Amino acid sequence: AAEMPRRFYDARLGEYCSASESAPVFERIDAARLWLAECLRLAAQAAR
């Protein structure tokens, strides 16, 4: 994304949002995915 900004598709509008409108959405998505990865890592330790 640092090389080519990501654009979020808004299904309600049927079009892609601008890169500046999309950035906050992807920040939330990225943070949520990293949160999930850490949760799974800790769950794996507990499961082991």
All heavy atoms as atom14 arrays in JSON, in Angstrom:
{
  "sequence": "AAEMPRRFYDARLGEYCSASESAPVFERIDAARLWLAECLRLAAQAAR",
  "atom14_mask": [
    [1, 1, 1, 1, 1, 0, 0, 0, 0, 0, 0, 0, 0, 0],
    [1, 1, 1, 1, 1, 0, 0, 0, 0, 0, 0, 0, 0, 0],
    [1, 1, 1, 1, 1, 1, 1, 1, 1, 0, 0, 0, 0, 0],
    [1, 1, 1, 1, 1, 1, 1, 1, 0, 0, 0, 0, 0, 0],
    [1, 1, 1, 1, 1, 1, 1, 0, 0, 0, 0, 0, 0, 0],
    [1, 1, 1, 1, 1, 1, 1, 1, 1, 1, 1, 0, 0, 0],
    [1, 1, 1, 1, 1, 1, 1, 1, 1, 1, 1, 0, 0, 0],
    [1, 1, 1, 1, 1, 1, 1, 1, 1, 1, 1, 0, 0, 0],
    [1, 1, 1, 1, 1, 1, 1, 1, 1, 1, 1, 1, 0, 0],
    [1, 1, 1, 1, 1, 1, 1, 1, 0, 0, 0, 0, 0, 0],
    [1, 1, 1, 1, 1, 0, 0, 0, 0, 0, 0, 0, 0, 0],
    [1, 1, 1, 1, 1, 1, 1, 1, 1, 1, 1, 0, 0, 0],
    [1, 1, 1, 1, 1, 1, 1, 1, 0, 0, 0, 0, 0, 0],
    [1, 1, 1, 1, 0, 0, 0, 0, 0, 0, 0, 0, 0, 0],
    [1, 1, 1, 1, 1, 1, 1, 1, 1, 0, 0, 0, 0, 0],
    [1, 1, 1, 1, 1, 1, 1, 1, 1, 1, 1, 1, 0, 0],
    [1, 1, 1, 1, 1, 1, 0, 0, 0, 0, 0, 0, 0, 0],
    [1, 1, 1, 1, 1, 1, 0, 0, 0, 0, 0, 0, 0, 0],
    [1, 1, 1, 1, 1, 0, 0, 0, 0, 0, 0, 0, 0, 0],
    [1, 1, 1, 1, 1, 1, 0, 0, 0, 0, 0, 0, 0, 0],
    [1, 1, 1, 1, 1, 1, 1, 1, 1, 0, 0, 0, 0, 0],
    [1, 1, 1, 1, 1, 1, 0, 0, 0, 0, 0, 0, 0, 0],
    [1, 1, 1, 1, 1, 0, 0, 0, 0, 0, 0, 0, 0, 0],
    [1, 1, 1, 1, 1, 1, 1, 0, 0, 0, 0, 0, 0, 0],
    [1, 1, 1, 1, 1, 1, 1, 0, 0, 0, 0, 0, 0, 0],
    [1, 1, 1, 1, 1, 1, 1, 1, 1, 1, 1, 0, 0, 0],
    [1, 1, 1, 1, 1, 1, 1, 1, 1, 0, 0, 0, 0, 0],
    [1, 1, 1, 1, 1, 1, 1, 1, 1, 1, 1, 0, 0, 0],
    [1, 1, 1, 1, 1, 1, 1, 1, 0, 0, 0, 0, 0, 0],
    [1, 1, 1, 1, 1, 1, 1, 1, 0, 0, 0, 0, 0, 0],
    [1, 1, 1, 1, 1, 0, 0, 0, 0, 0, 0, 0, 0, 0],
    [1, 1, 1, 1, 1, 0, 0, 0, 0, 0, 0, 0, 0, 0],
    [1, 1, 1, 1, 1, 1, 1, 1, 1, 1, 1, 0, 0, 0],
    [1, 1, 1, 1, 1, 1, 1, 1, 0, 0, 0, 0, 0, 0],
    [1, 1, 1, 1, 1, 1, 1, 1, 1, 1, 1, 1, 1, 1],
    [1, 1, 1, 1, 1, 1, 1, 1, 0, 0, 0, 0, 0, 0],
    [1, 1, 1, 1, 1, 0, 0, 0, 0, 0, 0, 0, 0, 0],
    [1, 1, 1, 1, 1, 1, 1, 1, 1, 0, 0, 0, 0, 0],
    [1, 1, 1, 1, 1, 1, 0, 0, 0, 0, 0, 0, 0, 0],
    [1, 1, 1, 1, 1, 1, 1, 1, 0, 0, 0, 0, 0, 0],
    [1, 1, 1, 1, 1, 1, 1, 1, 1, 1, 1, 0, 0, 0],
    [1, 1, 1, 1, 1, 1, 1, 1, 0, 0, 0, 0, 0, 0],
    [1, 1, 1, 1, 1, 0, 0, 0, 0, 0, 0, 0, 0, 0],
    [1, 1, 1, 1, 1, 0, 0, 0, 0, 0, 0, 0, 0, 0],
    [1, 1, 1, 1, 1, 1, 1, 1, 1, 0, 0, 0, 0, 0],
    [1, 1, 1, 1, 1, 0, 0, 0, 0, 0, 0, 0, 0, 0],
    [1, 1, 1, 1, 1, 0, 0, 0, 0, 0, 0, 0, 0, 0],
    [1, 1, 1, 1, 1, 1, 1, 1, 1, 1, 1, 0, 0, 0]
  ],
  "atom14_positions": [
    [[0.82, -1.21, 0.0], [0.0, 0.0, 0.0], [0.85, 1.26, 0.0], [0.41, 2.31, -0.46], [-0.95, 0.0, 1.19], [0.0, 0.0, 0.0], [0.0, 0.0, 0.0], [0.0, 0.0, 0.0], [0.0, 0.0, 0.0], [0.0, 0.0, 0.0], [0.0, 0.0, 0.0], [0.0, 0.0, 0.0], [0.0, 0.0, 0.0], [0.0, 0.0, 0.0]],
    [[2.08, 1.15, 0.49], [2.97, 2.31, 0.48], [3.35, 2.67, -0.96], [3.6, 3.84, -1.27], [4.22, 2.01, 1.3], [0.0, 0.0, 0.0], [0.0, 0.0, 0.0], [0.0, 0.0, 0.0], [0.0, 0.0, 0.0], [0.0, 0.0, 0.0], [0.0, 0.0, 0.0], [0.0, 0.0, 0.0], [0.0, 0.0, 0.0], [0.0, 0.0, 0.0]],
    [[3.36, 1.66, -1.83], [3.7, 1.89, -3.24], [2.45, 2.2, -4.07], [2.51, 3.0, -5.0], [4.4, 0.66, -3.81], [5.7, 0.34, -3.11], [6.26, -1.0, -3.54], [5.9, -1.48, -4.63], [7.06, -1.56, -2.78], [0.0, 0.0, 0.0], [0.0, 0.0, 0.0], [0.0, 0.0, 0.0], [0.0, 0.0, 0.0], [0.0, 0.0, 0.0]],
    [[1.36, 1.51, -3.77], [0.11, 1.71, -4.5], [-1.03, 1.73, -3.5], [-1.42, 0.68, -2.99], [-0.13, 0.6, -5.53], [-1.41, 0.82, -6.3], [-1.96, -0.6, -7.27], [-0.62, -0.91, -8.34], [0.0, 0.0, 0.0], [0.0, 0.0, 0.0], [0.0, 0.0, 0.0], [0.0, 0.0, 0.0], [0.0, 0.0, 0.0], [0.0, 0.0, 0.0]],
    [[-1.54, 2.91, -3.19], [-2.62, 3.0, -2.19], [-3.81, 2.1, -2.53], [-4.19, 1.97, -3.7], [-3.02, 4.47, -2.23], [-1.81, 5.18, -2.75], [-1.17, 4.21, -3.72], [0.0, 0.0, 0.0], [0.0, 0.0, 0.0], [0.0, 0.0, 0.0], [0.0, 0.0, 0.0], [0.0, 0.0, 0.0], [0.0, 0.0, 0.0], [0.0, 0.0, 0.0]],
    [[-4.35, 1.49, -1.51], [-5.51, 0.62, -1.68], [-6.79, 1.45, -1.7], [-6.87, 2.48, -1.04], [-5.58, -0.39, -0.53], [-4.37, -1.29, -0.49], [-4.41, -2.21, 0.71], [-4.02, -1.5, 1.91], [-3.96, -2.04, 3.12], [-4.28, -3.29, 3.29], [-3.59, -1.33, 4.16], [0.0, 0.0, 0.0], [0.0, 0.0, 0.0], [0.0, 0.0, 0.0]],
    [[-7.77, 0.97, -2.43], [-9.06, 1.64, -2.49], [-10.14, 0.66, -2.07], [-10.16, -0.48, -2.51], [-9.31, 2.17, -3.9], [-8.3, 3.25, -4.28], [-8.48, 3.76, -5.67], [-9.8, 4.37, -5.8], [-10.4, 4.56, -6.97], [-9.82, 4.19, -8.08], [-11.59, 5.11, -7.02], [0.0, 0.0, 0.0], [0.0, 0.0, 0.0], [0.0, 0.0, 0.0]],
    [[-11.02, 1.15, -1.22], [-12.09, 0.33, -0.66], [-13.31, 0.4, -1.57], [-13.72, 1.48, -2.0], [-12.44, 0.83, 0.74], [-13.46, 0.0, 1.46], [-13.09, -1.22, 2.01], [-14.76, 0.42, 1.58], [-14.02, -2.0, 2.68], [-15.7, -0.36, 2.25], [-15.32, -1.57, 2.79], [0.0, 0.0, 0.0], [0.0, 0.0, 0.0], [0.0, 0.0, 0.0]],
    [[-13.91, -0.76, -1.87], [-15.12, -0.79, -2.69], [-16.33, -0.63, -1.79], [-16.55, -1.4, -0.87], [-15.22, -2.12, -3.46], [-16.39, -2.16, -4.39], [-16.36, -1.51, -5.61], [-17.55, -2.84, -4.05], [-17.43, -1.54, -6.47], [-18.64, -2.88, -4.9], [-18.58, -2.22, -6.11], [-19.65, -2.25, -6.96], [0.0, 0.0, 0.0], [0.0, 0.0, 0.0]],
    [[-17.12, 0.4, -2.05], [-18.34, 0.65, -1.28], [-19.52, 0.04, -2.04], [-19.97, 0.59, -3.06], [-18.55, 2.15, -1.09], [-19.69, 2.46, -0.13], [-20.62, 1.63, 0.01], [-19.64, 3.53, 0.49], [0.0, 0.0, 0.0], [0.0, 0.0, 0.0], [0.0, 0.0, 0.0], [0.0, 0.0, 0.0], [0.0, 0.0, 0.0], [0.0, 0.0, 0.0]],
    [[-19.98, -1.11, -1.57], [-21.06, -1.82, -2.26], [-22.35, -1.02, -2.28], [-23.15, -1.15, -3.2], [-21.29, -3.18, -1.6], [0.0, 0.0, 0.0], [0.0, 0.0, 0.0], [0.0, 0.0, 0.0], [0.0, 0.0, 0.0], [0.0, 0.0, 0.0], [0.0, 0.0, 0.0], [0.0, 0.0, 0.0], [0.0, 0.0, 0.0], [0.0, 0.0, 0.0]],
    [[-22.55, -0.16, -1.28], [-23.77, 0.66, -1.25], [-23.8, 1.64, -2.41], [-24.84, 1.91, -2.98], [-23.87, 1.41, 0.07], [-24.06, 0.51, 1.29], [-23.9, 1.29, 2.56], [-22.53, 1.82, 2.58], [-22.11, 2.83, 3.33], [-22.94, 3.43, 4.14], [-20.86, 3.22, 3.29], [0.0, 0.0, 0.0], [0.0, 0.0, 0.0], [0.0, 0.0, 0.0]],
    [[-22.62, 2.18, -2.73], [-22.53, 3.15, -3.83], [-22.23, 2.49, -5.16], [-22.42, 3.1, -6.22], [-21.44, 4.18, -3.52], [-21.62, 5.02, -2.25], [-20.4, 5.91, -2.03], [-22.89, 5.85, -2.35], [0.0, 0.0, 0.0], [0.0, 0.0, 0.0], [0.0, 0.0, 0.0], [0.0, 0.0, 0.0], [0.0, 0.0, 0.0], [0.0, 0.0, 0.0]],
    [[-21.7, 1.27, -5.1], [-21.34, 0.57, -6.33], [-20.09, 1.13, -6.97], [-19.94, 1.06, -8.2], [0.0, 0.0, 0.0], [0.0, 0.0, 0.0], [0.0, 0.0, 0.0], [0.0, 0.0, 0.0], [0.0, 0.0, 0.0], [0.0, 0.0, 0.0], [0.0, 0.0, 0.0], [0.0, 0.0, 0.0], [0.0, 0.0, 0.0], [0.0, 0.0, 0.0]],
    [[-19.2, 1.69, -6.16], [-17.97, 2.25, -6.72], [-16.87, 2.23, -5.67], [-17.12, 2.03, -4.48], [-18.2, 3.68, -7.2], [-18.64, 4.63, -6.11], [-19.03, 6.01, -6.63], [-19.64, 6.09, -7.72], [-18.72, 6.99, -5.95], [0.0, 0.0, 0.0], [0.0, 0.0, 0.0], [0.0, 0.0, 0.0], [0.0, 0.0, 0.0], [0.0, 0.0, 0.0]],
    [[-15.66, 2.46, -6.14], [-14.52, 2.52, -5.24], [-14.4, 3.91, -4.63], [-14.63, 4.91, -5.31], [-13.22, 2.18, -5.99], [-13.07, 0.71, -6.27], [-13.55, 0.17, -7.46], [-12.47, -0.12, -5.34], [-13.42, -1.18, -7.71], [-12.34, -1.47, -5.58], [-12.81, -2.0, -6.77], [-12.69, -3.34, -7.01], [0.0, 0.0, 0.0], [0.0, 0.0, 0.0]],
    [[-14.04, 3.95, -3.38], [-13.77, 5.22, -2.7], [-12.38, 5.7, -3.1], [-11.54, 4.92, -3.55], [-13.83, 5.04, -1.18], [-15.44, 4.52, -0.57], [0.0, 0.0, 0.0], [0.0, 0.0, 0.0], [0.0, 0.0, 0.0], [0.0, 0.0, 0.0], [0.0, 0.0, 0.0], [0.0, 0.0, 0.0], [0.0, 0.0, 0.0], [0.0, 0.0, 0.0]],
    [[-12.13, 6.95, -2.88], [-10.79, 7.48, -3.16], [-9.79, 6.85, -2.2], [-10.17, 6.31, -1.16], [-10.79, 9.0, -3.01], [-10.93, 9.34, -1.64], [0.0, 0.0, 0.0], [0.0, 0.0, 0.0], [0.0, 0.0, 0.0], [0.0, 0.0, 0.0], [0.0, 0.0, 0.0], [0.0, 0.0, 0.0], [0.0, 0.0, 0.0], [0.0, 0.0, 0.0]],
    [[-8.53, 6.96, -2.54], [-7.49, 6.42, -1.67], [-7.52, 7.09, -0.3], [-7.35, 6.43, 0.73], [-6.12, 6.58, -2.32], [0.0, 0.0, 0.0], [0.0, 0.0, 0.0], [0.0, 0.0, 0.0], [0.0, 0.0, 0.0], [0.0, 0.0, 0.0], [0.0, 0.0, 0.0], [0.0, 0.0, 0.0], [0.0, 0.0, 0.0], [0.0, 0.0, 0.0]],
    [[-7.77, 8.38, -0.26], [-7.79, 9.08, 1.03], [-9.0, 8.67, 1.87], [-8.92, 8.61, 3.1], [-7.77, 10.6, 0.83], [-8.92, 11.03, 0.13], [0.0, 0.0, 0.0], [0.0, 0.0, 0.0], [0.0, 0.0, 0.0], [0.0, 0.0, 0.0], [0.0, 0.0, 0.0], [0.0, 0.0, 0.0], [0.0, 0.0, 0.0], [0.0, 0.0, 0.0]],
    [[-10.11, 8.37, 1.23], [-11.29, 7.87, 1.96], [-11.1, 6.43, 2.4], [-11.64, 6.0, 3.42], [-12.54, 7.96, 1.09], [-12.99, 9.36, 0.77], [-14.1, 9.39, -0.27], [-14.06, 8.58, -1.22], [-15.0, 10.23, -0.13], [0.0, 0.0, 0.0], [0.0, 0.0, 0.0], [0.0, 0.0, 0.0], [0.0, 0.0, 0.0], [0.0, 0.0, 0.0]],
    [[-10.34, 5.69, 1.62], [-10.13, 4.27, 1.9], [-9.1, 4.02, 2.99], [-9.18, 3.02, 3.7], [-9.68, 3.55, 0.62], [-10.68, 3.61, -0.36], [0.0, 0.0, 0.0], [0.0, 0.0, 0.0], [0.0, 0.0, 0.0], [0.0, 0.0, 0.0], [0.0, 0.0, 0.0], [0.0, 0.0, 0.0], [0.0, 0.0, 0.0], [0.0, 0.0, 0.0]],
    [[-8.14, 4.92, 3.13], [-7.04, 4.7, 4.08], [-7.51, 4.38, 5.5], [-7.03, 3.41, 6.1], [-6.09, 5.89, 4.06], [0.0, 0.0, 0.0], [0.0, 0.0, 0.0], [0.0, 0.0, 0.0], [0.0, 0.0, 0.0], [0.0, 0.0, 0.0], [0.0, 0.0, 0.0], [0.0, 0.0, 0.0], [0.0, 0.0, 0.0], [0.0, 0.0, 0.0]],
    [[-8.46, 5.14, 6.06], [-8.9, 4.82, 7.43], [-9.58, 3.45, 7.53], [-9.45, 2.77, 8.55], [-9.9, 5.93, 7.77], [-9.65, 7.02, 6.8], [-9.08, 6.37, 5.58], [0.0, 0.0, 0.0], [0.0, 0.0, 0.0], [0.0, 0.0, 0.0], [0.0, 0.0, 0.0], [0.0, 0.0, 0.0], [0.0, 0.0, 0.0], [0.0, 0.0, 0.0]],
    [[-10.26, 3.05, 6.48], [-10.9, 1.73, 6.47], [-9.84, 0.65, 6.52], [-9.92, -0.29, 7.32], [-11.8, 1.56, 5.22], [-12.36, 0.14, 5.15], [-12.93, 2.58, 5.23], [0.0, 0.0, 0.0], [0.0, 0.0, 0.0], [0.0, 0.0, 0.0], [0.0, 0.0, 0.0], [0.0, 0.0, 0.0], [0.0, 0.0, 0.0], [0.0, 0.0, 0.0]],
    [[-8.82, 0.78, 5.69], [-7.77, -0.23, 5.67], [-6.93, -0.2, 6.94], [-6.43, -1.24, 7.37], [-6.91, -0.09, 4.42], [-7.59, -0.65, 3.2], [-8.06, 0.19, 2.21], [-7.79, -2.01, 3.07], [-8.71, -0.32, 1.1], [-8.44, -2.54, 1.96], [-8.9, -1.69, 0.97], [0.0, 0.0, 0.0], [0.0, 0.0, 0.0], [0.0, 0.0, 0.0]],
    [[-6.78, 0.95, 7.56], [-6.08, 1.0, 8.85], [-6.82, 0.16, 9.89], [-6.21, -0.57, 10.67], [-5.93, 2.44, 9.33], [-4.89, 3.23, 8.56], [-4.84, 4.7, 8.96], [-5.45, 5.07, 9.99], [-4.2, 5.46, 8.23], [0.0, 0.0, 0.0], [0.0, 0.0, 0.0], [0.0, 0.0, 0.0], [0.0, 0.0, 0.0], [0.0, 0.0, 0.0]],
    [[-8.15, 0.28, 9.9], [-8.96, -0.52, 10.83], [-8.87, -2.0, 10.5], [-8.75, -2.85, 11.39], [-10.41, -0.07, 10.8], [-10.65, 1.27, 11.47], [-12.1, 1.71, 11.44], [-12.99, 0.67, 11.93], [-14.2, 0.42, 11.41], [-14.65, 1.13, 10.4], [-14.96, -0.52, 11.9], [0.0, 0.0, 0.0], [0.0, 0.0, 0.0], [0.0, 0.0, 0.0]],
    [[-8.94, -2.32, 9.2], [-8.85, -3.72, 8.77], [-7.5, -4.31, 9.17], [-7.42, -5.41, 9.74], [-9.08, -3.84, 7.25], [-10.54, -3.53, 6.91], [-8.68, -5.23, 6.73], [-10.81, -3.37, 5.43], [0.0, 0.0, 0.0], [0.0, 0.0, 0.0], [0.0, 0.0, 0.0], [0.0, 0.0, 0.0], [0.0, 0.0, 0.0], [0.0, 0.0, 0.0]],
    [[-6.42, -3.59, 8.87], [-5.08, -4.08, 9.18], [-4.9, -4.28, 10.68], [-4.37, -5.31, 11.12], [-4.01, -3.11, 8.65], [-4.02, -3.01, 7.14], [-4.5, -3.94, 6.46], [-3.54, -1.97, 6.62], [0.0, 0.0, 0.0], [0.0, 0.0, 0.0], [0.0, 0.0, 0.0], [0.0, 0.0, 0.0], [0.0, 0.0, 0.0], [0.0, 0.0, 0.0]],
    [[-5.36, -3.32, 11.47], [-5.25, -3.44, 12.93], [-6.05, -4.63, 13.43], [-5.59, -5.38, 14.3], [-5.71, -2.15, 13.61], [0.0, 0.0, 0.0], [0.0, 0.0, 0.0], [0.0, 0.0, 0.0], [0.0, 0.0, 0.0], [0.0, 0.0, 0.0], [0.0, 0.0, 0.0], [0.0, 0.0, 0.0], [0.0, 0.0, 0.0], [0.0, 0.0, 0.0]],
    [[-7.24, -4.84, 12.88], [-8.08, -5.95, 13.31], [-7.44, -7.29, 12.95], [-7.46, -8.24, 13.73], [-9.46, -5.85, 12.67], [0.0, 0.0, 0.0], [0.0, 0.0, 0.0], [0.0, 0.0, 0.0], [0.0, 0.0, 0.0], [0.0, 0.0, 0.0], [0.0, 0.0, 0.0], [0.0, 0.0, 0.0], [0.0, 0.0, 0.0], [0.0, 0.0, 0.0]],
    [[-6.84, -7.37, 11.76], [-6.18, -8.6, 11.33], [-4.96, -8.91, 12.21], [-4.73, -10.06, 12.57], [-5.78, -8.52, 9.87], [-6.98, -8.55, 8.91], [-6.55, -8.26, 7.48], [-5.53, -9.17, 7.02], [-5.75, -10.22, 6.23], [-6.98, -10.49, 5.82], [-4.76, -11.0, 5.85], [0.0, 0.0, 0.0], [0.0, 0.0, 0.0], [0.0, 0.0, 0.0]],
    [[-4.2, -7.88, 12.56], [-3.03, -8.09, 13.44], [-3.48, -8.48, 14.85], [-2.84, -9.3, 15.51], [-2.14, -6.86, 13.45], [-1.43, -6.58, 12.12], [-0.69, -5.26, 12.19], [-0.5, -7.72, 11.73], [0.0, 0.0, 0.0], [0.0, 0.0, 0.0], [0.0, 0.0, 0.0], [0.0, 0.0, 0.0], [0.0, 0.0, 0.0], [0.0, 0.0, 0.0]],
    [[-4.59, -7.9, 15.3], [-5.17, -8.28, 16.59], [-5.55, -9.76, 16.57], [-5.25, -10.51, 17.5], [-6.4, -7.42, 16.89], [-7.06, -7.73, 18.19], [-6.82, -7.13, 19.39], [-8.07, -8.73, 18.43], [-7.63, -7.7, 20.37], [-8.39, -8.68, 19.81], [-8.72, -9.65, 17.63], [-9.34, -9.52, 20.38], [-9.65, -10.5, 18.21], [-9.96, -10.42, 19.56]],
    [[-6.2, -10.19, 15.49], [-6.61, -11.59, 15.37], [-5.4, -12.51, 15.36], [-5.4, -13.55, 16.02], [-7.44, -11.79, 14.1], [-7.85, -13.23, 13.79], [-8.7, -13.8, 14.92], [-8.57, -13.29, 12.46], [0.0, 0.0, 0.0], [0.0, 0.0, 0.0], [0.0, 0.0, 0.0], [0.0, 0.0, 0.0], [0.0, 0.0, 0.0], [0.0, 0.0, 0.0]],
    [[-4.35, -12.13, 14.63], [-3.14, -12.95, 14.59], [-2.55, -13.13, 15.98], [-2.16, -14.23, 16.37], [-2.12, -12.34, 13.63], [0.0, 0.0, 0.0], [0.0, 0.0, 0.0], [0.0, 0.0, 0.0], [0.0, 0.0, 0.0], [0.0, 0.0, 0.0], [0.0, 0.0, 0.0], [0.0, 0.0, 0.0], [0.0, 0.0, 0.0], [0.0, 0.0, 0.0]],
    [[-2.49, -12.06, 16.75], [-1.94, -12.16, 18.11], [-2.84, -12.99, 19.0], [-2.36, -13.79, 19.82], [-1.73, -10.76, 18.71], [-1.09, -10.78, 20.07], [0.31, -11.38, 20.11], [0.97, -11.5, 19.05], [0.77, -11.74, 21.21], [0.0, 0.0, 0.0], [0.0, 0.0, 0.0], [0.0, 0.0, 0.0], [0.0, 0.0, 0.0], [0.0, 0.0, 0.0]],
    [[-4.13, -12.84, 18.85], [-5.08, -13.64, 19.62], [-4.89, -15.12, 19.31], [-4.85, -15.96, 20.22], [-6.51, -13.2, 19.3], [-7.78, -14.04, 20.27], [0.0, 0.0, 0.0], [0.0, 0.0, 0.0], [0.0, 0.0, 0.0], [0.0, 0.0, 0.0], [0.0, 0.0, 0.0], [0.0, 0.0, 0.0], [0.0, 0.0, 0.0], [0.0, 0.0, 0.0]],
    [[-4.76, -15.46, 18.04], [-4.54, -16.85, 17.65], [-3.21, -17.38, 18.18], [-3.12, -18.54, 18.6], [-4.59, -16.99, 16.13], [-5.96, -16.78, 15.49], [-5.84, -16.71, 13.98], [-6.93, -17.88, 15.91], [0.0, 0.0, 0.0], [0.0, 0.0, 0.0], [0.0, 0.0, 0.0], [0.0, 0.0, 0.0], [0.0, 0.0, 0.0], [0.0, 0.0, 0.0]],
    [[-2.19, -16.54, 18.18], [-0.88, -16.95, 18.68], [-0.97, -17.28, 20.18], [-0.46, -18.31, 20.63], [0.14, -15.84, 18.43], [1.57, -16.24, 18.7], [2.56, -15.22, 18.19], [2.63, -15.27, 16.73], [2.15, -14.33, 15.91], [1.6, -13.25, 16.38], [2.24, -14.46, 14.6], [0.0, 0.0, 0.0], [0.0, 0.0, 0.0], [0.0, 0.0, 0.0]],
    [[-1.63, -16.43, 20.92], [-1.8, -16.69, 22.36], [-2.71, -17.89, 22.61], [-2.48, -18.67, 23.54], [-2.32, -15.44, 23.07], [-1.33, -14.28, 23.15], [-2.03, -13.03, 23.64], [-0.16, -14.63, 24.05], [0.0, 0.0, 0.0], [0.0, 0.0, 0.0], [0.0, 0.0, 0.0], [0.0, 0.0, 0.0], [0.0, 0.0, 0.0], [0.0, 0.0, 0.0]],
    [[-3.74, -18.04, 21.78], [-4.62, -19.2, 21.91], [-3.86, -20.48, 21.61], [-4.09, -21.51, 22.26], [-5.83, -19.05, 20.98], [0.0, 0.0, 0.0], [0.0, 0.0, 0.0], [0.0, 0.0, 0.0], [0.0, 0.0, 0.0], [0.0, 0.0, 0.0], [0.0, 0.0, 0.0], [0.0, 0.0, 0.0], [0.0, 0.0, 0.0], [0.0, 0.0, 0.0]],
    [[-2.95, -20.42, 20.65], [-2.14, -21.59, 20.33], [-1.26, -21.98, 21.52], [-1.11, -23.17, 21.84], [-1.27, -21.32, 19.1], [0.0, 0.0, 0.0], [0.0, 0.0, 0.0], [0.0, 0.0, 0.0], [0.0, 0.0, 0.0], [0.0, 0.0, 0.0], [0.0, 0.0, 0.0], [0.0, 0.0, 0.0], [0.0, 0.0, 0.0], [0.0, 0.0, 0.0]],
    [[-0.69, -20.99, 22.18], [0.13, -21.27, 23.36], [-0.71, -21.93, 24.46], [-0.27, -22.89, 25.11], [0.79, -19.99, 23.87], [1.84, -19.45, 22.93], [2.31, -18.06, 23.33], [1.92, -17.52, 24.35], [3.17, -17.48, 22.5], [0.0, 0.0, 0.0], [0.0, 0.0, 0.0], [0.0, 0.0, 0.0], [0.0, 0.0, 0.0], [0.0, 0.0, 0.0]],
    [[-1.91, -21.41, 24.66], [-2.81, -21.99, 25.67], [-3.24, -23.4, 25.26], [-3.25, -24.32, 26.09], [-4.02, -21.08, 25.88], [0.0, 0.0, 0.0], [0.0, 0.0, 0.0], [0.0, 0.0, 0.0], [0.0, 0.0, 0.0], [0.0, 0.0, 0.0], [0.0, 0.0, 0.0], [0.0, 0.0, 0.0], [0.0, 0.0, 0.0], [0.0, 0.0, 0.0]],
    [[-3.56, -23.58, 23.98], [-3.99, -24.89, 23.5], [-2.86, -25.91, 23.62], [-3.1, -27.08, 23.99], [-4.47, -24.8, 22.06], [0.0, 0.0, 0.0], [0.0, 0.0, 0.0], [0.0, 0.0, 0.0], [0.0, 0.0, 0.0], [0.0, 0.0, 0.0], [0.0, 0.0, 0.0], [0.0, 0.0, 0.0], [0.0, 0.0, 0.0], [0.0, 0.0, 0.0]],
    [[-1.64, -25.5, 23.34], [-0.48, -26.4, 23.47], [-0.34, -26.83, 24.93], [-0.14, -28.02, 25.21], [0.79, -25.72, 23.01], [2.01, -26.64, 23.17], [3.34, -25.98, 22.88], [3.38, -25.29, 21.64], [3.66, -23.99, 21.51], [3.89, -23.23, 22.56], [3.7, -23.44, 20.31], [0.0, 0.0, 0.0], [0.0, 0.0, 0.0], [0.0, 0.0, 0.0]]
  ]
}
